[in-house]
Amino acid sequence: MSFFDSDPTPEPPAEVKPIFPVWFRPPIDVLGASVAQQCLIASTPDVVALVTGLTAYPAGLSFNIEVRAHSMELHTGHASVYDGPGRVRFGLELEDGSAVFRNRPQVDDWPPVEDDRPNDGPVLMQSGGGGSDETFAFGLWLTPLPLGTYFTVVFEWPAANMPETRCVVSFGDLHQIALNAQQLW
C-alpha cells in the first residue's frame, strides 16, 4: 500500500476556450491566402522599414510592419521602438480616405469581447510581434477586409531619424484573393 492511495485525485476543471471577437486577431481556424505584395516604406543608412507578409482572410487582412537595422541595436533602444515620444508610429489611409491607427490590446477583462471594440469603423489591432537586436516586427490585423485595391501606410520613427513617410501597398481585389483562404476546421 502506498501513502498516496488514500489521497483522492481531484477532477480536472472544465476547459473553457475563449472565443475572440473577429476584430481582435486573425482566425486560427482559417489558412489565409497570401497576397503577393510587399513594400519598402522608408530607409536610412542604418535602418529600413518594410510591409511584409500580407495574408487575406474573409474577415480581414494580416500583415507585418518590420524595422531592420544593420549598424545599430534595436534591442537597446526597444523603448523608442515601442513606446515614448520617439517610438515607431504608423497607421493606414484606406482608399476611401479614412484613417486607421494601430490599437494595442487593452481590455479590462480577458478574453476581450465585442463590447471592447475600439471603434465602429475599421480596426487595426496589433496581434503579435517581436524581434531581436537587429529586427522588430509588428504583427497587425485589419478588419474588416478593406474595399478597394490599395491602402497607404503612413510611418515615422523619430528616434531613428525617419520622418513621416508614405508607402502605397497595391493588392488588387482583396475580396477575390480571400476566396482562396481555406477553412481548417
N, C-alpha and C. Protein backbone atom coordinates (compact mmCIF):
# COMPACT_ATOMS: atom_id res chain seq x y z
N MET A 1 0.85 -1.18 0.00
CA MET A 1 0.00 0.00 0.00
C MET A 1 0.89 1.23 0.00
N SER A 2 0.55 2.20 -0.88
CA SER A 2 1.28 3.45 -1.00
C SER A 2 0.65 4.50 -0.11
N PHE A 3 1.44 5.42 0.31
CA PHE A 3 0.98 6.55 1.11
C PHE A 3 -0.12 7.31 0.38
N PHE A 4 -0.02 7.40 -0.95
CA PHE A 4 -0.94 8.24 -1.72
C PHE A 4 -2.20 7.51 -2.17
N ASP A 5 -2.36 6.24 -1.81
CA ASP A 5 -3.56 5.51 -2.18
C ASP A 5 -4.82 6.16 -1.63
N SER A 6 -4.73 6.77 -0.47
CA SER A 6 -5.91 7.39 0.13
C SER A 6 -6.07 8.87 -0.24
N ASP A 7 -5.15 9.38 -1.06
CA ASP A 7 -5.24 10.79 -1.50
C ASP A 7 -6.13 10.85 -2.74
N PRO A 8 -7.31 11.46 -2.65
CA PRO A 8 -8.21 11.49 -3.81
C PRO A 8 -7.64 12.36 -4.93
N THR A 9 -7.87 11.91 -6.15
CA THR A 9 -7.45 12.67 -7.32
C THR A 9 -8.59 13.61 -7.69
N PRO A 10 -8.33 14.92 -7.66
CA PRO A 10 -9.42 15.85 -7.99
C PRO A 10 -9.78 15.78 -9.48
N GLU A 11 -11.02 16.10 -9.76
CA GLU A 11 -11.47 16.18 -11.15
C GLU A 11 -10.82 17.40 -11.81
N PRO A 12 -10.34 17.25 -13.03
CA PRO A 12 -9.76 18.43 -13.69
C PRO A 12 -10.86 19.46 -13.98
N PRO A 13 -10.52 20.73 -13.90
CA PRO A 13 -11.53 21.76 -14.18
C PRO A 13 -11.96 21.70 -15.65
N ALA A 14 -13.19 22.07 -15.88
CA ALA A 14 -13.69 22.11 -17.26
C ALA A 14 -12.92 23.16 -18.04
N GLU A 15 -12.47 22.79 -19.22
CA GLU A 15 -11.70 23.74 -20.05
C GLU A 15 -12.66 24.66 -20.78
N VAL A 16 -12.44 25.93 -20.63
CA VAL A 16 -13.25 26.93 -21.32
C VAL A 16 -12.32 27.67 -22.28
N LYS A 17 -12.55 27.47 -23.57
CA LYS A 17 -11.74 28.15 -24.57
C LYS A 17 -12.38 29.51 -24.86
N PRO A 18 -11.58 30.56 -24.81
CA PRO A 18 -12.15 31.87 -25.13
C PRO A 18 -12.52 31.97 -26.60
N ILE A 19 -13.55 32.69 -26.87
CA ILE A 19 -13.94 32.98 -28.25
C ILE A 19 -13.60 34.44 -28.48
N PHE A 20 -12.61 34.67 -29.34
CA PHE A 20 -12.15 36.03 -29.57
C PHE A 20 -13.01 36.72 -30.62
N PRO A 21 -13.33 37.99 -30.42
CA PRO A 21 -14.09 38.72 -31.44
C PRO A 21 -13.27 38.84 -32.73
N VAL A 22 -13.95 38.94 -33.85
CA VAL A 22 -13.30 38.96 -35.15
C VAL A 22 -12.33 40.14 -35.30
N TRP A 23 -12.57 41.24 -34.60
CA TRP A 23 -11.70 42.42 -34.73
C TRP A 23 -10.39 42.26 -33.97
N PHE A 24 -10.28 41.25 -33.11
CA PHE A 24 -9.14 41.15 -32.20
C PHE A 24 -7.89 40.53 -32.82
N ARG A 25 -8.06 39.51 -33.67
CA ARG A 25 -6.91 38.81 -34.24
C ARG A 25 -7.35 37.97 -35.43
N PRO A 26 -6.38 37.54 -36.26
CA PRO A 26 -6.75 36.64 -37.36
C PRO A 26 -7.31 35.33 -36.81
N PRO A 27 -8.22 34.73 -37.53
CA PRO A 27 -8.78 33.46 -37.05
C PRO A 27 -7.74 32.34 -37.13
N ILE A 28 -7.70 31.49 -36.11
CA ILE A 28 -6.75 30.39 -36.13
C ILE A 28 -7.28 29.19 -36.91
N ASP A 29 -8.57 29.20 -37.22
CA ASP A 29 -9.15 28.07 -37.94
C ASP A 29 -9.25 28.30 -39.44
N VAL A 30 -8.55 29.32 -39.93
CA VAL A 30 -8.55 29.62 -41.37
C VAL A 30 -7.11 29.80 -41.82
N LEU A 31 -6.78 29.15 -42.93
CA LEU A 31 -5.49 29.37 -43.59
C LEU A 31 -5.70 30.50 -44.58
N GLY A 32 -5.15 31.67 -44.26
CA GLY A 32 -5.33 32.83 -45.12
C GLY A 32 -4.65 32.66 -46.47
N ALA A 33 -5.02 33.50 -47.41
CA ALA A 33 -4.46 33.48 -48.76
C ALA A 33 -3.36 34.54 -48.86
N SER A 34 -2.20 34.13 -49.32
CA SER A 34 -1.07 35.06 -49.45
C SER A 34 -1.36 36.13 -50.49
N VAL A 35 -0.97 37.34 -50.16
CA VAL A 35 -1.10 38.47 -51.07
C VAL A 35 0.31 38.80 -51.55
N ALA A 36 0.52 38.71 -52.84
CA ALA A 36 1.86 38.90 -53.41
C ALA A 36 2.21 40.38 -53.48
N GLN A 37 2.54 40.94 -52.33
CA GLN A 37 2.90 42.35 -52.27
C GLN A 37 3.74 42.60 -51.02
N GLN A 38 4.71 43.45 -51.15
CA GLN A 38 5.48 43.94 -50.02
C GLN A 38 5.93 45.35 -50.38
N CYS A 39 6.45 46.07 -49.41
CA CYS A 39 6.75 47.47 -49.67
C CYS A 39 7.88 47.94 -48.77
N LEU A 40 8.83 48.64 -49.35
CA LEU A 40 9.85 49.35 -48.59
C LEU A 40 9.26 50.70 -48.23
N ILE A 41 8.97 50.91 -46.94
CA ILE A 41 8.32 52.14 -46.51
C ILE A 41 9.33 53.29 -46.45
N ALA A 42 10.45 53.03 -45.77
CA ALA A 42 11.43 54.08 -45.55
C ALA A 42 12.79 53.44 -45.29
N SER A 43 13.84 54.21 -45.55
CA SER A 43 15.18 53.69 -45.25
C SER A 43 16.12 54.84 -44.92
N THR A 44 17.10 54.52 -44.10
CA THR A 44 18.21 55.39 -43.79
C THR A 44 19.45 54.53 -44.00
N PRO A 45 20.64 55.09 -43.88
CA PRO A 45 21.83 54.23 -43.98
C PRO A 45 21.87 53.13 -42.92
N ASP A 46 21.13 53.28 -41.82
CA ASP A 46 21.18 52.31 -40.72
C ASP A 46 19.96 51.42 -40.58
N VAL A 47 18.79 51.89 -41.02
CA VAL A 47 17.54 51.21 -40.72
C VAL A 47 16.62 51.23 -41.94
N VAL A 48 15.83 50.15 -42.11
CA VAL A 48 14.76 50.12 -43.10
C VAL A 48 13.45 49.76 -42.41
N ALA A 49 12.37 50.20 -43.00
CA ALA A 49 11.02 49.84 -42.54
C ALA A 49 10.30 49.22 -43.72
N LEU A 50 9.61 48.11 -43.47
CA LEU A 50 9.01 47.32 -44.54
C LEU A 50 7.58 46.91 -44.19
N VAL A 51 6.78 46.66 -45.22
CA VAL A 51 5.50 45.97 -45.07
C VAL A 51 5.71 44.59 -45.67
N THR A 52 5.44 43.54 -44.89
CA THR A 52 5.64 42.17 -45.35
C THR A 52 4.49 41.28 -44.90
N GLY A 53 4.43 40.09 -45.48
CA GLY A 53 3.55 39.03 -45.00
C GLY A 53 2.06 39.29 -45.10
N LEU A 54 1.61 39.98 -46.15
CA LEU A 54 0.18 40.24 -46.29
C LEU A 54 -0.56 38.93 -46.55
N THR A 55 -1.62 38.71 -45.75
CA THR A 55 -2.42 37.50 -45.86
C THR A 55 -3.89 37.89 -45.74
N ALA A 56 -4.68 37.51 -46.74
CA ALA A 56 -6.10 37.87 -46.77
C ALA A 56 -6.96 36.75 -46.19
N TYR A 57 -7.93 37.15 -45.39
CA TYR A 57 -8.94 36.26 -44.80
C TYR A 57 -10.30 36.85 -45.16
N PRO A 58 -11.35 36.05 -45.13
CA PRO A 58 -12.67 36.63 -45.39
C PRO A 58 -13.01 37.80 -44.46
N ALA A 59 -12.48 37.78 -43.23
CA ALA A 59 -12.83 38.80 -42.25
C ALA A 59 -11.83 39.94 -42.14
N GLY A 60 -10.65 39.82 -42.78
CA GLY A 60 -9.67 40.89 -42.61
C GLY A 60 -8.35 40.56 -43.27
N LEU A 61 -7.34 41.36 -42.93
CA LEU A 61 -6.02 41.26 -43.55
C LEU A 61 -4.96 41.28 -42.45
N SER A 62 -4.08 40.29 -42.44
CA SER A 62 -2.95 40.33 -41.52
C SER A 62 -1.69 40.72 -42.30
N PHE A 63 -0.79 41.42 -41.63
CA PHE A 63 0.48 41.80 -42.25
C PHE A 63 1.43 42.26 -41.16
N ASN A 64 2.67 42.47 -41.53
CA ASN A 64 3.70 42.93 -40.60
C ASN A 64 4.26 44.27 -41.05
N ILE A 65 4.58 45.10 -40.10
CA ILE A 65 5.47 46.22 -40.34
C ILE A 65 6.75 45.89 -39.60
N GLU A 66 7.84 45.79 -40.36
CA GLU A 66 9.13 45.40 -39.80
C GLU A 66 10.10 46.55 -39.86
N VAL A 67 10.94 46.64 -38.85
CA VAL A 67 12.11 47.52 -38.91
C VAL A 67 13.33 46.63 -38.78
N ARG A 68 14.33 46.90 -39.61
CA ARG A 68 15.56 46.12 -39.61
C ARG A 68 16.74 47.08 -39.59
N ALA A 69 17.74 46.73 -38.81
CA ALA A 69 18.92 47.59 -38.67
C ALA A 69 20.18 46.76 -38.87
N HIS A 70 21.21 47.40 -39.43
CA HIS A 70 22.47 46.68 -39.59
C HIS A 70 23.61 47.32 -38.81
N SER A 71 23.47 48.56 -38.41
CA SER A 71 24.58 49.18 -37.69
C SER A 71 24.13 49.82 -36.37
N MET A 72 22.97 49.42 -35.88
CA MET A 72 22.53 49.87 -34.56
C MET A 72 21.76 48.74 -33.92
N GLU A 73 21.68 48.71 -32.62
CA GLU A 73 20.95 47.67 -31.92
C GLU A 73 19.57 48.17 -31.55
N LEU A 74 18.55 47.54 -32.11
CA LEU A 74 17.19 47.93 -31.79
C LEU A 74 16.84 47.54 -30.36
N HIS A 75 17.43 46.46 -29.88
CA HIS A 75 17.10 45.98 -28.53
C HIS A 75 17.45 47.03 -27.47
N THR A 76 18.58 47.68 -27.61
CA THR A 76 18.97 48.68 -26.62
C THR A 76 18.05 49.89 -26.69
N GLY A 77 17.44 50.13 -27.83
CA GLY A 77 16.50 51.24 -27.97
C GLY A 77 15.07 50.77 -28.03
N HIS A 78 14.79 49.58 -27.47
CA HIS A 78 13.46 48.99 -27.57
C HIS A 78 12.37 49.96 -27.17
N ALA A 79 12.60 50.74 -26.11
CA ALA A 79 11.57 51.68 -25.67
C ALA A 79 11.26 52.68 -26.78
N SER A 80 12.25 53.05 -27.58
CA SER A 80 11.98 54.00 -28.65
C SER A 80 11.30 53.34 -29.83
N VAL A 81 11.38 52.00 -29.93
CA VAL A 81 10.65 51.30 -30.98
C VAL A 81 9.18 51.24 -30.61
N TYR A 82 8.89 50.94 -29.35
CA TYR A 82 7.52 50.60 -28.96
C TYR A 82 6.80 51.69 -28.18
N ASP A 83 7.51 52.42 -27.35
CA ASP A 83 6.85 53.42 -26.50
C ASP A 83 7.65 54.71 -26.46
N GLY A 84 7.04 55.74 -25.95
CA GLY A 84 7.74 57.01 -25.77
C GLY A 84 7.58 57.93 -26.97
N PRO A 85 8.07 59.17 -26.83
CA PRO A 85 7.88 60.17 -27.89
C PRO A 85 8.62 59.84 -29.18
N GLY A 86 9.71 59.08 -29.13
CA GLY A 86 10.47 58.75 -30.34
C GLY A 86 10.09 57.42 -30.94
N ARG A 87 8.99 56.82 -30.48
CA ARG A 87 8.59 55.48 -30.89
C ARG A 87 8.22 55.39 -32.36
N VAL A 88 8.17 54.17 -32.85
CA VAL A 88 7.63 53.90 -34.18
C VAL A 88 6.14 54.21 -34.14
N ARG A 89 5.69 54.97 -35.11
CA ARG A 89 4.26 55.28 -35.24
C ARG A 89 3.84 54.95 -36.66
N PHE A 90 2.65 54.38 -36.79
CA PHE A 90 2.14 54.08 -38.13
C PHE A 90 0.63 53.97 -38.10
N GLY A 91 0.07 54.09 -39.27
CA GLY A 91 -1.36 53.94 -39.47
C GLY A 91 -1.59 53.70 -40.94
N LEU A 92 -2.85 53.55 -41.31
CA LEU A 92 -3.22 53.31 -42.69
C LEU A 92 -4.19 54.38 -43.16
N GLU A 93 -4.03 54.78 -44.40
CA GLU A 93 -5.03 55.59 -45.06
C GLU A 93 -5.66 54.68 -46.11
N LEU A 94 -6.95 54.39 -45.92
CA LEU A 94 -7.64 53.50 -46.83
C LEU A 94 -8.00 54.24 -48.11
N GLU A 95 -8.35 53.48 -49.13
CA GLU A 95 -8.64 54.07 -50.44
C GLU A 95 -9.76 55.11 -50.37
N ASP A 96 -10.70 54.94 -49.44
CA ASP A 96 -11.80 55.92 -49.31
C ASP A 96 -11.38 57.17 -48.53
N GLY A 97 -10.10 57.24 -48.11
CA GLY A 97 -9.59 58.40 -47.41
C GLY A 97 -9.65 58.31 -45.90
N SER A 98 -10.28 57.28 -45.36
CA SER A 98 -10.37 57.15 -43.90
C SER A 98 -9.02 56.72 -43.32
N ALA A 99 -8.77 57.15 -42.10
CA ALA A 99 -7.52 56.84 -41.41
C ALA A 99 -7.77 55.79 -40.33
N VAL A 100 -6.83 54.85 -40.22
CA VAL A 100 -6.92 53.79 -39.21
C VAL A 100 -5.58 53.76 -38.49
N PHE A 101 -5.62 53.80 -37.15
CA PHE A 101 -4.40 53.80 -36.36
C PHE A 101 -4.27 52.51 -35.58
N ARG A 102 -3.04 52.15 -35.26
CA ARG A 102 -2.76 50.92 -34.52
C ARG A 102 -3.38 50.98 -33.13
N ASN A 103 -4.08 49.90 -32.78
CA ASN A 103 -4.60 49.70 -31.43
C ASN A 103 -3.84 48.54 -30.81
N ARG A 104 -3.37 48.72 -29.60
CA ARG A 104 -2.77 47.61 -28.88
C ARG A 104 -3.84 47.01 -27.99
N PRO A 105 -3.78 45.70 -27.78
CA PRO A 105 -4.79 45.09 -26.91
C PRO A 105 -4.80 45.74 -25.53
N GLN A 106 -5.91 46.38 -25.22
CA GLN A 106 -6.09 46.99 -23.91
C GLN A 106 -7.53 46.73 -23.50
N VAL A 107 -7.73 45.64 -22.83
CA VAL A 107 -9.08 45.29 -22.40
C VAL A 107 -9.05 45.09 -20.89
N ASP A 108 -10.15 45.40 -20.24
CA ASP A 108 -10.22 45.28 -18.79
C ASP A 108 -10.36 43.83 -18.35
N ASP A 109 -11.09 43.06 -19.11
CA ASP A 109 -11.30 41.65 -18.79
C ASP A 109 -10.71 40.80 -19.90
N TRP A 110 -10.30 39.61 -19.53
CA TRP A 110 -9.76 38.70 -20.53
C TRP A 110 -10.65 37.49 -20.58
N PRO A 111 -11.02 36.99 -21.71
CA PRO A 111 -10.66 37.48 -23.04
C PRO A 111 -11.52 38.67 -23.45
N PRO A 112 -11.10 39.37 -24.50
CA PRO A 112 -11.88 40.51 -24.97
C PRO A 112 -13.23 40.05 -25.53
N VAL A 113 -14.17 40.93 -25.47
CA VAL A 113 -15.50 40.66 -26.03
C VAL A 113 -15.83 41.76 -27.03
N GLU A 114 -16.87 41.56 -27.78
CA GLU A 114 -17.24 42.51 -28.83
C GLU A 114 -17.40 43.92 -28.29
N ASP A 115 -17.88 44.06 -27.04
CA ASP A 115 -18.06 45.39 -26.45
C ASP A 115 -16.75 46.14 -26.24
N ASP A 116 -15.60 45.44 -26.27
CA ASP A 116 -14.30 46.08 -26.10
C ASP A 116 -13.79 46.70 -27.40
N ARG A 117 -14.53 46.53 -28.48
CA ARG A 117 -14.09 47.02 -29.79
C ARG A 117 -13.70 48.49 -29.68
N PRO A 118 -12.51 48.85 -30.24
CA PRO A 118 -12.03 50.23 -30.10
C PRO A 118 -12.91 51.29 -30.77
N ASN A 119 -13.59 50.95 -31.87
CA ASN A 119 -14.44 51.92 -32.56
C ASN A 119 -15.41 51.19 -33.46
N ASP A 120 -16.28 51.93 -34.15
CA ASP A 120 -17.27 51.32 -35.03
C ASP A 120 -16.77 51.10 -36.44
N GLY A 121 -15.66 51.73 -36.81
CA GLY A 121 -15.14 51.61 -38.17
C GLY A 121 -14.09 50.52 -38.27
N PRO A 122 -13.22 50.63 -39.27
CA PRO A 122 -12.13 49.66 -39.41
C PRO A 122 -11.23 49.69 -38.17
N VAL A 123 -10.69 48.52 -37.82
CA VAL A 123 -9.82 48.38 -36.66
C VAL A 123 -8.49 47.79 -37.11
N LEU A 124 -7.41 48.38 -36.65
CA LEU A 124 -6.06 47.88 -36.90
C LEU A 124 -5.47 47.49 -35.55
N MET A 125 -5.48 46.19 -35.26
CA MET A 125 -5.01 45.69 -33.97
C MET A 125 -3.59 45.15 -34.10
N GLN A 126 -2.79 45.41 -33.11
CA GLN A 126 -1.51 44.72 -33.02
C GLN A 126 -1.80 43.34 -32.49
N SER A 127 -1.45 42.31 -33.27
CA SER A 127 -1.81 40.95 -32.90
C SER A 127 -0.59 40.07 -32.73
N GLY A 128 0.52 40.66 -32.48
CA GLY A 128 1.75 39.89 -32.29
C GLY A 128 2.94 40.77 -32.60
N GLY A 129 4.08 40.15 -32.63
CA GLY A 129 5.29 40.87 -32.94
C GLY A 129 6.43 40.41 -32.07
N GLY A 130 7.56 40.99 -32.30
CA GLY A 130 8.74 40.66 -31.53
C GLY A 130 9.97 40.95 -32.35
N GLY A 131 11.12 40.62 -31.80
CA GLY A 131 12.32 40.90 -32.55
C GLY A 131 13.58 40.51 -31.83
N SER A 132 14.66 41.11 -32.29
CA SER A 132 15.99 40.83 -31.77
C SER A 132 16.76 42.14 -31.74
N ASP A 133 18.07 42.04 -31.65
CA ASP A 133 18.89 43.25 -31.67
C ASP A 133 18.80 43.98 -33.01
N GLU A 134 18.52 43.24 -34.09
CA GLU A 134 18.56 43.84 -35.42
C GLU A 134 17.22 43.95 -36.13
N THR A 135 16.18 43.30 -35.61
CA THR A 135 14.88 43.35 -36.26
C THR A 135 13.77 43.52 -35.22
N PHE A 136 12.69 44.10 -35.66
CA PHE A 136 11.49 44.17 -34.83
C PHE A 136 10.30 44.15 -35.78
N ALA A 137 9.31 43.30 -35.50
CA ALA A 137 8.13 43.21 -36.35
C ALA A 137 6.88 43.46 -35.52
N PHE A 138 5.98 44.25 -36.07
CA PHE A 138 4.66 44.47 -35.50
C PHE A 138 3.70 43.62 -36.31
N GLY A 139 3.10 42.58 -35.69
CA GLY A 139 2.08 41.79 -36.35
C GLY A 139 0.76 42.54 -36.26
N LEU A 140 0.08 42.72 -37.39
CA LEU A 140 -1.13 43.56 -37.42
C LEU A 140 -2.30 42.81 -38.04
N TRP A 141 -3.49 43.21 -37.62
CA TRP A 141 -4.74 42.63 -38.11
C TRP A 141 -5.69 43.78 -38.41
N LEU A 142 -6.07 43.92 -39.68
CA LEU A 142 -7.01 44.95 -40.13
C LEU A 142 -8.34 44.29 -40.44
N THR A 143 -9.38 44.78 -39.80
CA THR A 143 -10.70 44.24 -40.06
C THR A 143 -11.71 45.37 -40.09
N PRO A 144 -12.73 45.34 -40.92
CA PRO A 144 -12.99 44.30 -41.91
C PRO A 144 -12.02 44.39 -43.09
N LEU A 145 -12.08 43.40 -43.95
CA LEU A 145 -11.28 43.41 -45.16
C LEU A 145 -11.61 44.67 -45.95
N PRO A 146 -10.60 45.49 -46.25
CA PRO A 146 -10.92 46.78 -46.89
C PRO A 146 -11.41 46.62 -48.33
N LEU A 147 -12.26 47.54 -48.72
CA LEU A 147 -12.67 47.63 -50.11
C LEU A 147 -11.58 48.36 -50.89
N GLY A 148 -11.60 48.26 -52.18
CA GLY A 148 -10.61 48.96 -52.99
C GLY A 148 -9.43 48.06 -53.34
N THR A 149 -8.42 48.67 -53.93
CA THR A 149 -7.28 47.90 -54.44
C THR A 149 -5.95 48.32 -53.83
N TYR A 150 -5.98 49.23 -52.84
CA TYR A 150 -4.73 49.65 -52.20
C TYR A 150 -5.04 50.33 -50.87
N PHE A 151 -4.01 50.46 -50.06
CA PHE A 151 -4.03 51.38 -48.93
C PHE A 151 -2.65 52.00 -48.83
N THR A 152 -2.56 53.07 -48.08
CA THR A 152 -1.30 53.77 -47.89
C THR A 152 -0.87 53.61 -46.44
N VAL A 153 0.35 53.13 -46.24
CA VAL A 153 0.93 53.04 -44.91
C VAL A 153 1.61 54.37 -44.62
N VAL A 154 1.29 54.97 -43.49
CA VAL A 154 1.94 56.19 -43.05
C VAL A 154 2.80 55.80 -41.84
N PHE A 155 4.09 56.13 -41.90
CA PHE A 155 5.07 55.62 -40.94
C PHE A 155 6.01 56.74 -40.52
N GLU A 156 6.41 56.72 -39.25
CA GLU A 156 7.51 57.57 -38.80
C GLU A 156 8.19 56.92 -37.60
N TRP A 157 9.48 57.19 -37.47
CA TRP A 157 10.24 56.74 -36.32
C TRP A 157 11.25 57.83 -35.99
N PRO A 158 10.84 58.83 -35.23
CA PRO A 158 11.72 59.95 -34.93
C PRO A 158 13.05 59.55 -34.29
N ALA A 159 13.06 58.54 -33.43
CA ALA A 159 14.29 58.13 -32.75
C ALA A 159 15.33 57.60 -33.72
N ALA A 160 14.91 57.14 -34.90
CA ALA A 160 15.84 56.62 -35.92
C ALA A 160 15.99 57.60 -37.08
N ASN A 161 15.57 58.85 -36.88
CA ASN A 161 15.64 59.88 -37.92
C ASN A 161 14.88 59.50 -39.18
N MET A 162 13.71 58.89 -38.98
CA MET A 162 12.83 58.53 -40.09
C MET A 162 11.58 59.40 -39.98
N PRO A 163 11.49 60.47 -40.77
CA PRO A 163 10.32 61.35 -40.70
C PRO A 163 9.08 60.66 -41.27
N GLU A 164 7.94 61.29 -41.10
CA GLU A 164 6.70 60.74 -41.65
C GLU A 164 6.88 60.49 -43.14
N THR A 165 6.56 59.28 -43.54
CA THR A 165 6.66 58.90 -44.95
C THR A 165 5.49 57.99 -45.29
N ARG A 166 5.21 57.87 -46.57
CA ARG A 166 4.06 57.08 -47.04
C ARG A 166 4.50 56.05 -48.05
N CYS A 167 3.79 54.93 -48.04
CA CYS A 167 4.05 53.86 -48.99
C CYS A 167 2.71 53.29 -49.43
N VAL A 168 2.45 53.27 -50.72
CA VAL A 168 1.20 52.72 -51.24
C VAL A 168 1.39 51.21 -51.43
N VAL A 169 0.50 50.45 -50.83
CA VAL A 169 0.50 48.99 -50.97
C VAL A 169 -0.68 48.62 -51.86
N SER A 170 -0.38 48.21 -53.09
CA SER A 170 -1.42 47.81 -54.05
C SER A 170 -1.57 46.30 -54.01
N PHE A 171 -2.81 45.84 -54.02
CA PHE A 171 -3.01 44.40 -53.87
C PHE A 171 -4.12 43.85 -54.74
N GLY A 172 -4.73 44.62 -55.58
CA GLY A 172 -5.84 44.11 -56.38
C GLY A 172 -7.09 43.97 -55.52
N ASP A 173 -7.94 43.03 -55.86
CA ASP A 173 -9.20 42.83 -55.16
C ASP A 173 -8.99 41.85 -54.00
N LEU A 174 -8.86 42.37 -52.79
CA LEU A 174 -8.63 41.51 -51.62
C LEU A 174 -9.77 40.53 -51.39
N HIS A 175 -10.99 40.94 -51.71
CA HIS A 175 -12.12 40.05 -51.50
C HIS A 175 -12.01 38.84 -52.43
N GLN A 176 -11.51 39.05 -53.63
CA GLN A 176 -11.29 37.93 -54.56
C GLN A 176 -10.16 37.04 -54.05
N ILE A 177 -9.08 37.65 -53.57
CA ILE A 177 -7.95 36.88 -53.03
C ILE A 177 -8.39 36.07 -51.81
N ALA A 178 -9.20 36.67 -50.96
CA ALA A 178 -9.65 36.00 -49.73
C ALA A 178 -10.50 34.77 -50.01
N LEU A 179 -11.07 34.67 -51.21
CA LEU A 179 -11.82 33.47 -51.57
C LEU A 179 -10.92 32.23 -51.59
N ASN A 180 -9.60 32.43 -51.68
CA ASN A 180 -8.66 31.31 -51.68
C ASN A 180 -8.28 30.87 -50.27
N ALA A 181 -8.75 31.57 -49.25
CA ALA A 181 -8.50 31.13 -47.87
C ALA A 181 -9.21 29.80 -47.65
N GLN A 182 -8.63 28.98 -46.79
CA GLN A 182 -9.16 27.65 -46.54
C GLN A 182 -9.60 27.49 -45.09
N GLN A 183 -10.81 27.04 -44.90
CA GLN A 183 -11.30 26.72 -43.56
C GLN A 183 -10.61 25.45 -43.09
N LEU A 184 -9.97 25.49 -41.92
CA LEU A 184 -9.24 24.32 -41.43
C LEU A 184 -10.11 23.36 -40.65
N TRP A 185 -11.00 23.86 -39.84
CA TRP A 185 -11.93 23.03 -39.11
C TRP A 185 -13.15 23.82 -38.75
